[in-house]
Amino acid sequence: MGKLSTHVLDTTQGKPGAGVKVELYAVSEGQRRLIKTETTNQDGRCTSPLLEGEAMQPGQYELVFAAGDYFAAQGVDLPSPRFIDRVTIAFGIADASQNYHVPLVVTPWSYSTYRGS
């Protein structure tokens, strides 16, 4: 079986995004179900896979990152309301036997992602 992982990169400061709250939701028929909540470690990663083994199933998911709270805790002068606050990445897992790595590259003004392995 594959696994799902993530990690956060703060390109404003050129370092891993440590201490970012990450929520994983399964999405089915328009309904979201919270599966897991984690906080990134000093390397900007969750210490264990978000999904693995029998929990790794094909379907639609969302990762929600508390980026605004992270930047506020870093002392970044943010506007109110924040331009980038909670970043939601909606994605699908088609083949549960593969690894899906969904990183967040973020600043207070922009973000991007890609599918890694």
PDB file of N, CA and C in Angstrom:
ATOM      1  N   MET A   1       0.832  -1.191   0.000  1.00  0.00           N
ATOM      2  CA  MET A   1       0.000   0.000   0.000  1.00  0.00           C
ATOM      3  C   MET A   1       0.870   1.246   0.000  1.00  0.00           C
ATOM      4  N   GLY A   2       0.300   2.298  -0.539  1.00  0.00           N
ATOM      5  CA  GLY A   2       1.001   3.571  -0.571  1.00  0.00           C
ATOM      6  C   GLY A   2       0.771   4.359   0.700  1.00  0.00           C
ATOM      7  N   LYS A   3       1.157   5.621   0.630  1.00  0.00           N
ATOM      8  CA  LYS A   3       0.964   6.502   1.779  1.00  0.00           C
ATOM      9  C   LYS A   3       0.769   7.926   1.283  1.00  0.00           C
ATOM     10  N   LEU A   4       0.185   8.758   2.156  1.00  0.00           N
ATOM     11  CA  LEU A   4       0.013  10.178   1.897  1.00  0.00           C
ATOM     12  C   LEU A   4       0.859  10.952   2.888  1.00  0.00           C
ATOM     13  N   SER A   5       1.649  11.888   2.379  1.00  0.00           N
ATOM     14  CA  SER A   5       2.470  12.740   3.242  1.00  0.00           C
ATOM     15  C   SER A   5       2.408  14.174   2.739  1.00  0.00           C
ATOM     16  N   THR A   6       2.877  15.082   3.570  1.00  0.00           N
ATOM     17  CA  THR A   6       2.917  16.501   3.197  1.00  0.00           C
ATOM     18  C   THR A   6       4.106  17.152   3.865  1.00  0.00           C
ATOM     19  N   HIS A   7       4.387  18.342   3.420  1.00  0.00           N
ATOM     20  CA  HIS A   7       5.348  19.170   4.142  1.00  0.00           C
ATOM     21  C   HIS A   7       5.196  20.604   3.690  1.00  0.00           C
ATOM     22  N   VAL A   8       5.618  21.524   4.553  1.00  0.00           N
ATOM     23  CA  VAL A   8       5.411  22.950   4.331  1.00  0.00           C
ATOM     24  C   VAL A   8       6.766  23.632   4.195  1.00  0.00           C
ATOM     25  N   LEU A   9       6.890  24.442   3.142  1.00  0.00           N
ATOM     26  CA  LEU A   9       8.103  25.228   2.917  1.00  0.00           C
ATOM     27  C   LEU A   9       7.736  26.710   2.935  1.00  0.00           C
ATOM     28  N   ASP A  10       8.362  27.460   3.823  1.00  0.00           N
ATOM     29  CA  ASP A  10       8.160  28.897   3.967  1.00  0.00           C
ATOM     30  C   ASP A  10       9.203  29.586   3.100  1.00  0.00           C
ATOM     31  N   THR A  11       8.807  30.034   1.899  1.00  0.00           N
ATOM     32  CA  THR A  11       9.782  30.638   1.000  1.00  0.00           C
ATOM     33  C   THR A  11      10.063  32.099   1.339  1.00  0.00           C
ATOM     34  N   THR A  12       9.265  32.692   2.221  1.00  0.00           N
ATOM     35  CA  THR A  12       9.565  34.049   2.683  1.00  0.00           C
ATOM     36  C   THR A  12      10.852  34.051   3.490  1.00  0.00           C
ATOM     37  N   GLN A  13      10.990  33.050   4.347  1.00  0.00           N
ATOM     38  CA  GLN A  13      12.157  32.973   5.226  1.00  0.00           C
ATOM     39  C   GLN A  13      13.169  31.920   4.772  1.00  0.00           C
ATOM     40  N   GLY A  14      12.833  31.183   3.710  1.00  0.00           N
ATOM     41  CA  GLY A  14      13.756  30.174   3.193  1.00  0.00           C
ATOM     42  C   GLY A  14      13.992  29.033   4.162  1.00  0.00           C
ATOM     43  N   LYS A  15      12.906  28.543   4.779  1.00  0.00           N
ATOM     44  CA  LYS A  15      13.059  27.472   5.768  1.00  0.00           C
ATOM     45  C   LYS A  15      11.797  26.609   5.794  1.00  0.00           C
ATOM     46  N   PRO A  16      11.889  25.446   6.445  1.00  0.00           N
ATOM     47  CA  PRO A  16      10.684  24.625   6.611  1.00  0.00           C
ATOM     48  C   PRO A  16       9.656  25.356   7.476  1.00  0.00           C
ATOM     49  N   GLY A  17       8.397  25.110   7.204  1.00  0.00           N
ATOM     50  CA  GLY A  17       7.308  25.680   7.992  1.00  0.00           C
ATOM     51  C   GLY A  17       7.021  24.804   9.203  1.00  0.00           C
ATOM     52  N   ALA A  18       7.687  25.061  10.298  1.00  0.00           N
ATOM     53  CA  ALA A  18       7.515  24.281  11.526  1.00  0.00           C
ATOM     54  C   ALA A  18       6.348  24.837  12.339  1.00  0.00           C
ATOM     55  N   GLY A  19       5.527  23.937  12.877  1.00  0.00           N
ATOM     56  CA  GLY A  19       4.426  24.351  13.737  1.00  0.00           C
ATOM     57  C   GLY A  19       3.152  24.716  12.997  1.00  0.00           C
ATOM     58  N   VAL A  20       3.008  24.267  11.761  1.00  0.00           N
ATOM     59  CA  VAL A  20       1.795  24.543  10.974  1.00  0.00           C
ATOM     60  C   VAL A  20       0.751  23.460  11.258  1.00  0.00           C
ATOM     61  N   LYS A  21      -0.434  23.880  11.650  1.00  0.00           N
ATOM     62  CA  LYS A  21      -1.536  22.938  11.848  1.00  0.00           C
ATOM     63  C   LYS A  21      -2.044  22.491  10.472  1.00  0.00           C
ATOM     64  N   VAL A  22      -2.191  21.162  10.324  1.00  0.00           N
ATOM     65  CA  VAL A  22      -2.645  20.564   9.067  1.00  0.00           C
ATOM     66  C   VAL A  22      -3.841  19.666   9.366  1.00  0.00           C
ATOM     67  N   GLU A  23      -4.928  19.869   8.634  1.00  0.00           N
ATOM     68  CA  GLU A  23      -6.112  19.014   8.769  1.00  0.00           C
ATOM     69  C   GLU A  23      -6.323  18.256   7.470  1.00  0.00           C
ATOM     70  N   LEU A  24      -6.629  16.974   7.584  1.00  0.00           N
ATOM     71  CA  LEU A  24      -6.931  16.141   6.424  1.00  0.00           C
ATOM     72  C   LEU A  24      -8.406  15.757   6.477  1.00  0.00           C
ATOM     73  N   TYR A  25      -9.107  16.012   5.371  1.00  0.00           N
ATOM     74  CA  TYR A  25     -10.523  15.668   5.246  1.00  0.00           C
ATOM     75  C   TYR A  25     -10.730  14.712   4.081  1.00  0.00           C
ATOM     76  N   ALA A  26     -11.646  13.764   4.246  1.00  0.00           N
ATOM     77  CA  ALA A  26     -12.158  12.971   3.129  1.00  0.00           C
ATOM     78  C   ALA A  26     -13.402  13.699   2.640  1.00  0.00           C
ATOM     79  N   VAL A  27     -13.588  13.743   1.327  1.00  0.00           N
ATOM     80  CA  VAL A  27     -14.739  14.442   0.740  1.00  0.00           C
ATOM     81  C   VAL A  27     -15.527  13.445  -0.088  1.00  0.00           C
ATOM     82  N   SER A  28     -16.814  13.313   0.232  1.00  0.00           N
ATOM     83  CA  SER A  28     -17.682  12.398  -0.494  1.00  0.00           C
ATOM     84  C   SER A  28     -19.079  12.996  -0.563  1.00  0.00           C
ATOM     85  N   GLU A  29     -19.621  13.040  -1.760  1.00  0.00           N
ATOM     86  CA  GLU A  29     -20.972  13.564  -1.987  1.00  0.00           C
ATOM     87  C   GLU A  29     -21.145  14.947  -1.363  1.00  0.00           C
ATOM     88  N   GLY A  30     -20.133  15.783  -1.500  1.00  0.00           N
ATOM     89  CA  GLY A  30     -20.188  17.149  -1.009  1.00  0.00           C
ATOM     90  C   GLY A  30     -19.996  17.313   0.491  1.00  0.00           C
ATOM     91  N   GLN A  31     -19.770  16.220   1.196  1.00  0.00           N
ATOM     92  CA  GLN A  31     -19.580  16.268   2.642  1.00  0.00           C
ATOM     93  C   GLN A  31     -18.111  16.061   2.987  1.00  0.00           C
ATOM     94  N   ARG A  32     -17.614  16.854   3.942  1.00  0.00           N
ATOM     95  CA  ARG A  32     -16.234  16.717   4.416  1.00  0.00           C
ATOM     96  C   ARG A  32     -16.245  16.012   5.759  1.00  0.00           C
ATOM     97  N   ARG A  33     -15.299  15.062   5.908  1.00  0.00           N
ATOM     98  CA  ARG A  33     -15.150  14.332   7.169  1.00  0.00           C
ATOM     99  C   ARG A  33     -13.694  14.452   7.606  1.00  0.00           C
ATOM    100  N   LEU A  34     -13.492  15.036   8.801  1.00  0.00           N
ATOM    101  CA  LEU A  34     -12.139  15.197   9.318  1.00  0.00           C
ATOM    102  C   LEU A  34     -11.555  13.824   9.637  1.00  0.00           C
ATOM    103  N   ILE A  35     -10.388  13.546   9.066  1.00  0.00           N
ATOM    104  CA  ILE A  35      -9.701  12.272   9.298  1.00  0.00           C
ATOM    105  C   ILE A  35      -8.586  12.423  10.322  1.00  0.00           C
ATOM    106  N   LYS A  36      -7.836  13.512  10.192  1.00  0.00           N
ATOM    107  CA  LYS A  36      -6.646  13.644  11.029  1.00  0.00           C
ATOM    108  C   LYS A  36      -6.241  15.103  11.136  1.00  0.00           C
ATOM    109  N   THR A  37      -5.699  15.463  12.295  1.00  0.00           N
ATOM    110  CA  THR A  37      -5.102  16.777  12.516  1.00  0.00           C
ATOM    111  C   THR A  37      -3.677  16.557  13.007  1.00  0.00           C
ATOM    112  N   GLU A  38      -2.739  17.238  12.384  1.00  0.00           N
ATOM    113  CA  GLU A  38      -1.322  17.140  12.745  1.00  0.00           C
ATOM    114  C   GLU A  38      -0.731  18.538  12.823  1.00  0.00           C
ATOM    115  N   THR A  39       0.465  18.629  13.369  1.00  0.00           N
ATOM    116  CA  THR A  39       1.253  19.861  13.367  1.00  0.00           C
ATOM    117  C   THR A  39       2.623  19.515  12.820  1.00  0.00           C
ATOM    118  N   THR A  40       3.117  20.328  11.894  1.00  0.00           N
ATOM    119  CA  THR A  40       4.410  20.025  11.276  1.00  0.00           C
ATOM    120  C   THR A  40       5.550  20.161  12.287  1.00  0.00           C
ATOM    121  N   ASN A  41       6.568  19.322  12.099  1.00  0.00           N
ATOM    122  CA  ASN A  41       7.735  19.324  12.977  1.00  0.00           C
ATOM    123  C   ASN A  41       8.771  20.354  12.504  1.00  0.00           C
ATOM    124  N   GLN A  42       9.956  20.327  13.077  1.00  0.00           N
ATOM    125  CA  GLN A  42      11.015  21.293  12.751  1.00  0.00           C
ATOM    126  C   GLN A  42      11.449  21.230  11.293  1.00  0.00           C
ATOM    127  N   ASP A  43      11.202  20.090  10.639  1.00  0.00           N
ATOM    128  CA  ASP A  43      11.542  19.942   9.224  1.00  0.00           C
ATOM    129  C   ASP A  43      10.368  20.329   8.336  1.00  0.00           C
ATOM    130  N   GLY A  44       9.280  20.828   8.932  1.00  0.00           N
ATOM    131  CA  GLY A  44       8.102  21.208   8.160  1.00  0.00           C
ATOM    132  C   GLY A  44       7.259  20.029   7.723  1.00  0.00           C
ATOM    133  N   ARG A  45       7.522  18.853   8.281  1.00  0.00           N
ATOM    134  CA  ARG A  45       6.810  17.631   7.896  1.00  0.00           C
ATOM    135  C   ARG A  45       5.977  17.102   9.055  1.00  0.00           C
ATOM    136  N   CYS A  46       4.988  16.313   8.723  1.00  0.00           N
ATOM    137  CA  CYS A  46       4.265  15.570   9.757  1.00  0.00           C
ATOM    138  C   CYS A  46       5.126  14.364  10.111  1.00  0.00           C
ATOM    139  N   THR A  47       5.153  13.983  11.379  1.00  0.00           N
ATOM    140  CA  THR A  47       6.070  12.928  11.825  1.00  0.00           C
ATOM    141  C   THR A  47       5.685  11.546  11.305  1.00  0.00           C
ATOM    142  N   SER A  48       4.448  11.367  10.905  1.00  0.00           N
ATOM    143  CA  SER A  48       4.031  10.084  10.328  1.00  0.00           C
ATOM    144  C   SER A  48       3.130  10.361   9.128  1.00  0.00           C
ATOM    145  N   PRO A  49       2.949   9.376   8.247  1.00  0.00           N
ATOM    146  CA  PRO A  49       2.062   9.589   7.095  1.00  0.00           C
ATOM    147  C   PRO A  49       0.652   9.972   7.539  1.00  0.00           C
ATOM    148  N   LEU A  50       0.011  10.803   6.741  1.00  0.00           N
ATOM    149  CA  LEU A  50      -1.369  11.186   7.027  1.00  0.00           C
ATOM    150  C   LEU A  50      -2.328  10.038   6.739  1.00  0.00           C
ATOM    151  N   LEU A  51      -2.013   9.254   5.745  1.00  0.00           N
ATOM    152  CA  LEU A  51      -2.744   8.028   5.427  1.00  0.00           C
ATOM    153  C   LEU A  51      -1.735   6.955   5.072  1.00  0.00           C
ATOM    154  N   GLU A  52      -2.022   5.726   5.473  1.00  0.00           N
ATOM    155  CA  GLU A  52      -1.209   4.577   5.075  1.00  0.00           C
ATOM    156  C   GLU A  52      -1.983   3.311   5.388  1.00  0.00           C
ATOM    157  N   GLY A  53      -1.530   2.195   4.853  1.00  0.00           N
ATOM    158  CA  GLY A  53      -2.181   0.915   5.113  1.00  0.00           C
ATOM    159  C   GLY A  53      -3.615   0.915   4.629  1.00  0.00           C
ATOM    160  N   GLU A  54      -4.500   0.338   5.419  1.00  0.00           N
ATOM    161  CA  GLU A  54      -5.914   0.228   5.045  1.00  0.00           C
ATOM    162  C   GLU A  54      -6.604   1.593   4.956  1.00  0.00           C
ATOM    163  N   ALA A  55      -6.078   2.585   5.648  1.00  0.00           N
ATOM    164  CA  ALA A  55      -6.672   3.923   5.603  1.00  0.00           C
ATOM    165  C   ALA A  55      -6.447   4.612   4.260  1.00  0.00           C
ATOM    166  N   MET A  56      -5.446   4.159   3.519  1.00  0.00           N
ATOM    167  CA  MET A  56      -5.129   4.745   2.217  1.00  0.00           C
ATOM    168  C   MET A  56      -6.101   4.195   1.186  1.00  0.00           C
ATOM    169  N   GLN A  57      -7.104   4.996   0.842  1.00  0.00           N
ATOM    170  CA  GLN A  57      -8.157   4.574  -0.082  1.00  0.00           C
ATOM    171  C   GLN A  57      -8.292   5.583  -1.220  1.00  0.00           C
ATOM    172  N   PRO A  58      -8.674   5.109  -2.421  1.00  0.00           N
ATOM    173  CA  PRO A  58      -8.964   6.052  -3.506  1.00  0.00           C
ATOM    174  C   PRO A  58     -10.107   6.985  -3.094  1.00  0.00           C
ATOM    175  N   GLY A  59     -10.061   8.204  -3.586  1.00  0.00           N
ATOM    176  CA  GLY A  59     -11.133   9.147  -3.306  1.00  0.00           C
ATOM    177  C   GLY A  59     -10.660  10.578  -3.347  1.00  0.00           C
ATOM    178  N   GLN A  60     -11.573  11.475  -2.974  1.00  0.00           N
ATOM    179  CA  GLN A  60     -11.294  12.907  -2.942  1.00  0.00           C
ATOM    180  C   GLN A  60     -10.950  13.315  -1.514  1.00  0.00           C
ATOM    181  N   TYR A  61      -9.954  14.188  -1.389  1.00  0.00           N
ATOM    182  CA  TYR A  61      -9.471  14.639  -0.090  1.00  0.00           C
ATOM    183  C   TYR A  61      -9.184  16.132  -0.124  1.00  0.00           C
ATOM    184  N   GLU A  62      -9.064  16.714   1.053  1.00  0.00           N
ATOM    185  CA  GLU A  62      -8.611  18.092   1.204  1.00  0.00           C
ATOM    186  C   GLU A  62      -7.601  18.166   2.337  1.00  0.00           C
ATOM    187  N   LEU A  63      -6.523  18.879   2.084  1.00  0.00           N
ATOM    188  CA  LEU A  63      -5.578  19.252   3.126  1.00  0.00           C
ATOM    189  C   LEU A  63      -5.798  20.730   3.410  1.00  0.00           C
ATOM    190  N   VAL A  64      -5.942  21.086   4.674  1.00  0.00           N
ATOM    191  CA  VAL A  64      -6.139  22.480   5.069  1.00  0.00           C
ATOM    192  C   VAL A  64      -4.982  22.872   5.990  1.00  0.00           C
ATOM    193  N   PHE A  65      -4.241  23.890   5.576  1.00  0.00           N
ATOM    194  CA  PHE A  65      -3.065  24.352   6.303  1.00  0.00           C
ATOM    195  C   PHE A  65      -3.371  25.699   6.962  1.00  0.00           C
ATOM    196  N   ALA A  66      -3.069  25.857   8.221  1.00  0.00           N
ATOM    197  CA  ALA A  66      -3.276  27.112   8.945  1.00  0.00           C
ATOM    198  C   ALA A  66      -2.077  28.035   8.711  1.00  0.00           C
ATOM    199  N   ALA A  67      -1.913  28.467   7.481  1.00  0.00           N
ATOM    200  CA  ALA A  67      -0.757  29.266   7.086  1.00  0.00           C
ATOM    201  C   ALA A  67      -0.759  30.642   7.747  1.00  0.00           C
ATOM    202  N   GLY A  68      -1.913  31.276   7.832  1.00  0.00           N
ATOM    203  CA  GLY A  68      -1.982  32.596   8.448  1.00  0.00           C
ATOM    204  C   GLY A  68      -1.552  32.577   9.900  1.00  0.00           C
ATOM    205  N   ASP A  69      -2.003  31.563  10.641  1.00  0.00           N
ATOM    206  CA  ASP A  69      -1.588  31.431  12.042  1.00  0.00           C
ATOM    207  C   ASP A  69      -0.082  31.213  12.149  1.00  0.00           C
ATOM    208  N   TYR A  70       0.463  30.428  11.221  1.00  0.00           N
ATOM    209  CA  TYR A  70       1.904  30.183  11.206  1.00  0.00           C
ATOM    210  C   TYR A  70       2.667  31.500  11.014  1.00  0.00           C
ATOM    211  N   PHE A  71       2.280  32.289  10.002  1.00  0.00           N
ATOM    212  CA  PHE A  71       3.005  33.540   9.739  1.00  0.00           C
ATOM    213  C   PHE A  71       2.829  34.538  10.880  1.00  0.00           C
ATOM    214  N   ALA A  72       1.656  34.580  11.494  1.00  0.00           N
ATOM    215  CA  ALA A  72       1.447  35.458  12.651  1.00  0.00           C
ATOM    216  C   ALA A  72       2.373  35.059  13.794  1.00  0.00           C
ATOM    217  N   ALA A  73       2.524  33.750  14.029  1.00  0.00           N
ATOM    218  CA  ALA A  73       3.410  33.264  15.091  1.00  0.00           C
ATOM    219  C   ALA A  73       4.879  33.566  14.778  1.00  0.00           C
ATOM    220  N   GLN A  74       5.203  33.735  13.499  1.00  0.00           N
ATOM    221  CA  GLN A  74       6.568  34.070  13.092  1.00  0.00           C
ATOM    222  C   GLN A  74       6.846  35.562  13.227  1.00  0.00           C
ATOM    223  N   GLY A  75       5.828  36.333  13.596  1.00  0.00           N
ATOM    224  CA  GLY A  75       6.008  37.769  13.759  1.00  0.00           C
ATOM    225  C   GLY A  75       5.862  38.561  12.474  1.00  0.00           C
ATOM    226  N   VAL A  76       5.324  37.937  11.434  1.00  0.00           N
ATOM    227  CA  VAL A  76       5.129  38.627  10.166  1.00  0.00           C
ATOM    228  C   VAL A  76       3.980  39.623  10.326  1.00  0.00           C
ATOM    229  N   ASP A  77       4.181  40.844   9.854  1.00  0.00           N
ATOM    230  CA  ASP A  77       3.155  41.881   9.920  1.00  0.00           C
ATOM    231  C   ASP A  77       2.121  41.594   8.833  1.00  0.00           C
ATOM    232  N   LEU A  78       0.973  41.074   9.234  1.00  0.00           N
ATOM    233  CA  LEU A  78      -0.067  40.666   8.296  1.00  0.00           C
ATOM    234  C   LEU A  78      -1.218  41.656   8.294  1.00  0.00           C
ATOM    235  N   PRO A  79      -1.847  41.846   7.134  1.00  0.00           N
ATOM    236  CA  PRO A  79      -3.026  42.714   7.100  1.00  0.00           C
ATOM    237  C   PRO A  79      -4.217  42.008   7.741  1.00  0.00           C
ATOM    238  N   SER A  80      -5.247  42.780   8.032  1.00  0.00           N
ATOM    239  CA  SER A  80      -6.478  42.193   8.555  1.00  0.00           C
ATOM    240  C   SER A  80      -7.619  42.602   7.637  1.00  0.00           C
ATOM    241  N   PRO A  81      -8.285  41.671   7.011  1.00  0.00           N
ATOM    242  CA  PRO A  81      -8.069  40.232   7.124  1.00  0.00           C
ATOM    243  C   PRO A  81      -6.809  39.802   6.371  1.00  0.00           C
ATOM    244  N   ARG A  82      -6.320  38.639   6.746  1.00  0.00           N
ATOM    245  CA  ARG A  82      -5.111  38.087   6.120  1.00  0.00           C
ATOM    246  C   ARG A  82      -5.390  37.751   4.658  1.00  0.00           C
ATOM    247  N   PHE A  83      -4.406  38.012   3.784  1.00  0.00           N
ATOM    248  CA  PHE A  83      -4.550  37.648   2.370  1.00  0.00           C
ATOM    249  C   PHE A  83      -4.518  36.136   2.211  1.00  0.00           C
ATOM    250  N   ILE A  84      -3.487  35.489   2.746  1.00  0.00           N
ATOM    251  CA  ILE A  84      -3.417  34.021   2.786  1.00  0.00           C
ATOM    252  C   ILE A  84      -3.643  33.625   4.240  1.00  0.00           C
ATOM    253  N   ASP A  85      -4.688  32.854   4.488  1.00  0.00           N
ATOM    254  CA  ASP A  85      -4.990  32.453   5.856  1.00  0.00           C
ATOM    255  C   ASP A  85      -5.008  30.935   5.935  1.00  0.00           C
ATOM    256  N   ARG A  86      -6.118  30.310   5.601  1.00  0.00           N
ATOM    257  CA  ARG A  86      -6.197  28.850   5.575  1.00  0.00           C
ATOM    258  C   ARG A  86      -6.089  28.417   4.117  1.00  0.00           C
ATOM    259  N   VAL A  87      -5.080  27.635   3.819  1.00  0.00           N
ATOM    260  CA  VAL A  87      -4.870  27.146   2.460  1.00  0.00           C
ATOM    261  C   VAL A  87      -5.480  25.757   2.346  1.00  0.00           C
ATOM    262  N   THR A  88      -6.419  25.613   1.409  1.00  0.00           N
ATOM    263  CA  THR A  88      -7.064  24.329   1.175  1.00  0.00           C
ATOM    264  C   THR A  88      -6.602  23.782  -0.168  1.00  0.00           C
ATOM    265  N   ILE A  89      -6.073  22.570  -0.133  1.00  0.00           N
ATOM    266  CA  ILE A  89      -5.668  21.883  -1.359  1.00  0.00           C
ATOM    267  C   ILE A  89      -6.591  20.684  -1.533  1.00  0.00           C
ATOM    268  N   ALA A  90      -7.415  20.732  -2.568  1.00  0.00           N
ATOM    269  CA  ALA A  90      -8.319  19.626  -2.889  1.00  0.00           C
ATOM    270  C   ALA A  90      -7.617  18.745  -3.920  1.00  0.00           C
ATOM    271  N   PHE A  91      -7.583  17.440  -3.662  1.00  0.00           N
ATOM    272  CA  PHE A  91      -6.863  16.524  -4.549  1.00  0.00           C
ATOM    273  C   PHE A  91      -7.525  15.155  -4.500  1.00  0.00           C
ATOM    274  N   GLY A  92      -7.166  14.320  -5.454  1.00  0.00           N
ATOM    275  CA  GLY A  92      -7.704  12.972  -5.506  1.00  0.00           C
ATOM    276  C   GLY A  92      -6.614  11.926  -5.439  1.00  0.00           C
ATOM    277  N   ILE A  93      -6.947  10.814  -4.829  1.00  0.00           N
ATOM    278  CA  ILE A  93      -6.069   9.636  -4.819  1.00  0.00           C
ATOM    279  C   ILE A  93      -6.733   8.615  -5.729  1.00  0.00           C
ATOM    280  N   ALA A  94      -6.092   8.324  -6.837  1.00  0.00           N
ATOM    281  CA  ALA A  94      -6.644   7.371  -7.805  1.00  0.00           C
ATOM    282  C   ALA A  94      -6.144   5.959  -7.550  1.00  0.00           C
ATOM    283  N   ASP A  95      -4.903   5.828  -7.127  1.00  0.00           N
ATOM    284  CA  ASP A  95      -4.281   4.522  -6.939  1.00  0.00           C
ATOM    285  C   ASP A  95      -3.674   4.460  -5.541  1.00  0.00           C
ATOM    286  N   ALA A  96      -4.350   3.777  -4.635  1.00  0.00           N
ATOM    287  CA  ALA A  96      -3.923   3.727  -3.231  1.00  0.00           C
ATOM    288  C   ALA A  96      -2.629   2.945  -3.018  1.00  0.00           C
ATOM    289  N   SER A  97      -2.129   2.287  -4.044  1.00  0.00           N
ATOM    290  CA  SER A  97      -0.864   1.557  -3.904  1.00  0.00           C
ATOM    291  C   SER A  97       0.341   2.481  -4.118  1.00  0.00           C
ATOM    292  N   GLN A  98       0.102   3.698  -4.583  1.00  0.00           N
ATOM    293  CA  GLN A  98       1.178   4.651  -4.831  1.00  0.00           C
ATOM    294  C   GLN A  98       1.345   5.598  -3.649  1.00  0.00           C
ATOM    295  N   ASN A  99       2.510   6.246  -3.600  1.00  0.00           N
ATOM    296  CA  ASN A  99       2.757   7.285  -2.615  1.00  0.00           C
ATOM    297  C   ASN A  99       2.308   8.628  -3.189  1.00  0.00           C
ATOM    298  N   TYR A 100       1.630   9.410  -2.368  1.00  0.00           N
ATOM    299  CA  TYR A 100       1.200  10.756  -2.726  1.00  0.00           C
ATOM    300  C   TYR A 100       1.810  11.714  -1.709  1.00  0.00           C
ATOM    301  N   HIS A 101       2.661  12.606  -2.198  1.00  0.00           N
ATOM    302  CA  HIS A 101       3.257  13.632  -1.351  1.00  0.00           C
ATOM    303  C   HIS A 101       2.722  14.967  -1.847  1.00  0.00           C
ATOM    304  N   VAL A 102       2.026  15.712  -0.972  1.00  0.00           N
ATOM    305  CA  VAL A 102       1.371  16.961  -1.356  1.00  0.00           C
ATOM    306  C   VAL A 102       1.974  18.091  -0.519  1.00  0.00           C
ATOM    307  N   PRO A 103       3.059  18.702  -1.002  1.00  0.00           N
ATOM    308  CA  PRO A 103       3.698  19.770  -0.242  1.00  0.00           C
ATOM    309  C   PRO A 103       3.009  21.113  -0.468  1.00  0.00           C
ATOM    310  N   LEU A 104       3.210  22.011   0.488  1.00  0.00           N
ATOM    311  CA  LEU A 104       2.740  23.389   0.369  1.00  0.00           C
ATOM    312  C   LEU A 104       3.957  24.300   0.399  1.00  0.00           C
ATOM    313  N   VAL A 105       4.118  25.088  -0.651  1.00  0.00           N
ATOM    314  CA  VAL A 105       5.153  26.117  -0.725  1.00  0.00           C
ATOM    315  C   VAL A 105       4.407  27.435  -0.551  1.00  0.00           C
ATOM    316  N   VAL A 106       4.736  28.199   0.511  1.00  0.00           N
ATOM    317  CA  VAL A 106       3.845  29.290   0.889  1.00  0.00           C
ATOM    318  C   VAL A 106       4.581  30.545   1.358  1.00  0.00           C
ATOM    319  N   THR A 107       3.961  31.689   1.106  1.00  0.00           N
ATOM    320  CA  THR A 107       4.343  32.990   1.661  1.00  0.00           C
ATOM    321  C   THR A 107       3.036  33.625   2.157  1.00  0.00           C
ATOM    322  N   PRO A 108       3.091  34.768   2.811  1.00  0.00           N
ATOM    323  CA  PRO A 108       1.843  35.424   3.204  1.00  0.00           C
ATOM    324  C   PRO A 108       1.023  35.921   2.011  1.00  0.00           C
ATOM    325  N   TRP A 109       1.616  35.859   0.790  1.00  0.00           N
ATOM    326  CA  TRP A 109       0.966  36.432  -0.399  1.00  0.00           C
ATOM    327  C   TRP A 109       0.722  35.435  -1.514  1.00  0.00           C
ATOM    328  N   SER A 110       1.246  34.213  -1.381  1.00  0.00           N
ATOM    329  CA  SER A 110       1.076  33.241  -2.463  1.00  0.00           C
ATOM    330  C   SER A 110       1.347  31.829  -1.947  1.00  0.00           C
ATOM    331  N   TYR A 111       0.902  30.849  -2.745  1.00  0.00           N
ATOM    332  CA  TYR A 111       1.230  29.451  -2.425  1.00  0.00           C
ATOM    333  C   TYR A 111       1.165  28.614  -3.692  1.00  0.00           C
ATOM    334  N   SER A 112       1.817  27.463  -3.628  1.00  0.00           N
ATOM    335  CA  SER A 112       1.750  26.497  -4.720  1.00  0.00           C
ATOM    336  C   SER A 112       1.933  25.095  -4.140  1.00  0.00           C
ATOM    337  N   THR A 113       1.607  24.121  -4.973  1.00  0.00           N
ATOM    338  CA  THR A 113       1.752  22.729  -4.588  1.00  0.00           C
ATOM    339  C   THR A 113       2.075  21.913  -5.833  1.00  0.00           C
ATOM    340  N   TYR A 114       2.369  20.659  -5.632  1.00  0.00           N
ATOM    341  CA  TYR A 114       2.614  19.725  -6.727  1.00  0.00           C
ATOM    342  C   TYR A 114       2.478  18.322  -6.162  1.00  0.00           C
ATOM    343  N   ARG A 115       2.382  17.355  -7.029  1.00  0.00           N
ATOM    344  CA  ARG A 115       2.355  15.981  -6.546  1.00  0.00           C
ATOM    345  C   ARG A 115       3.762  15.424  -6.569  1.00  0.00           C
ATOM    346  N   GLY A 116       4.240  15.115  -5.394  1.00  0.00           N
ATOM    347  CA  GLY A 116       5.526  14.456  -5.282  1.00  0.00           C
ATOM    348  C   GLY A 116       5.290  12.985  -4.970  1.00  0.00           C
ATOM    349  N   SER A 117       6.328  12.273  -4.692  1.00  0.00           N
ATOM    350  CA  SER A 117       6.191  10.861  -4.335  1.00  0.00           C
ATOM    351  C   SER A 117       6.905  10.625  -3.049  1.00  0.00           C
TER     352      SER A 117
END
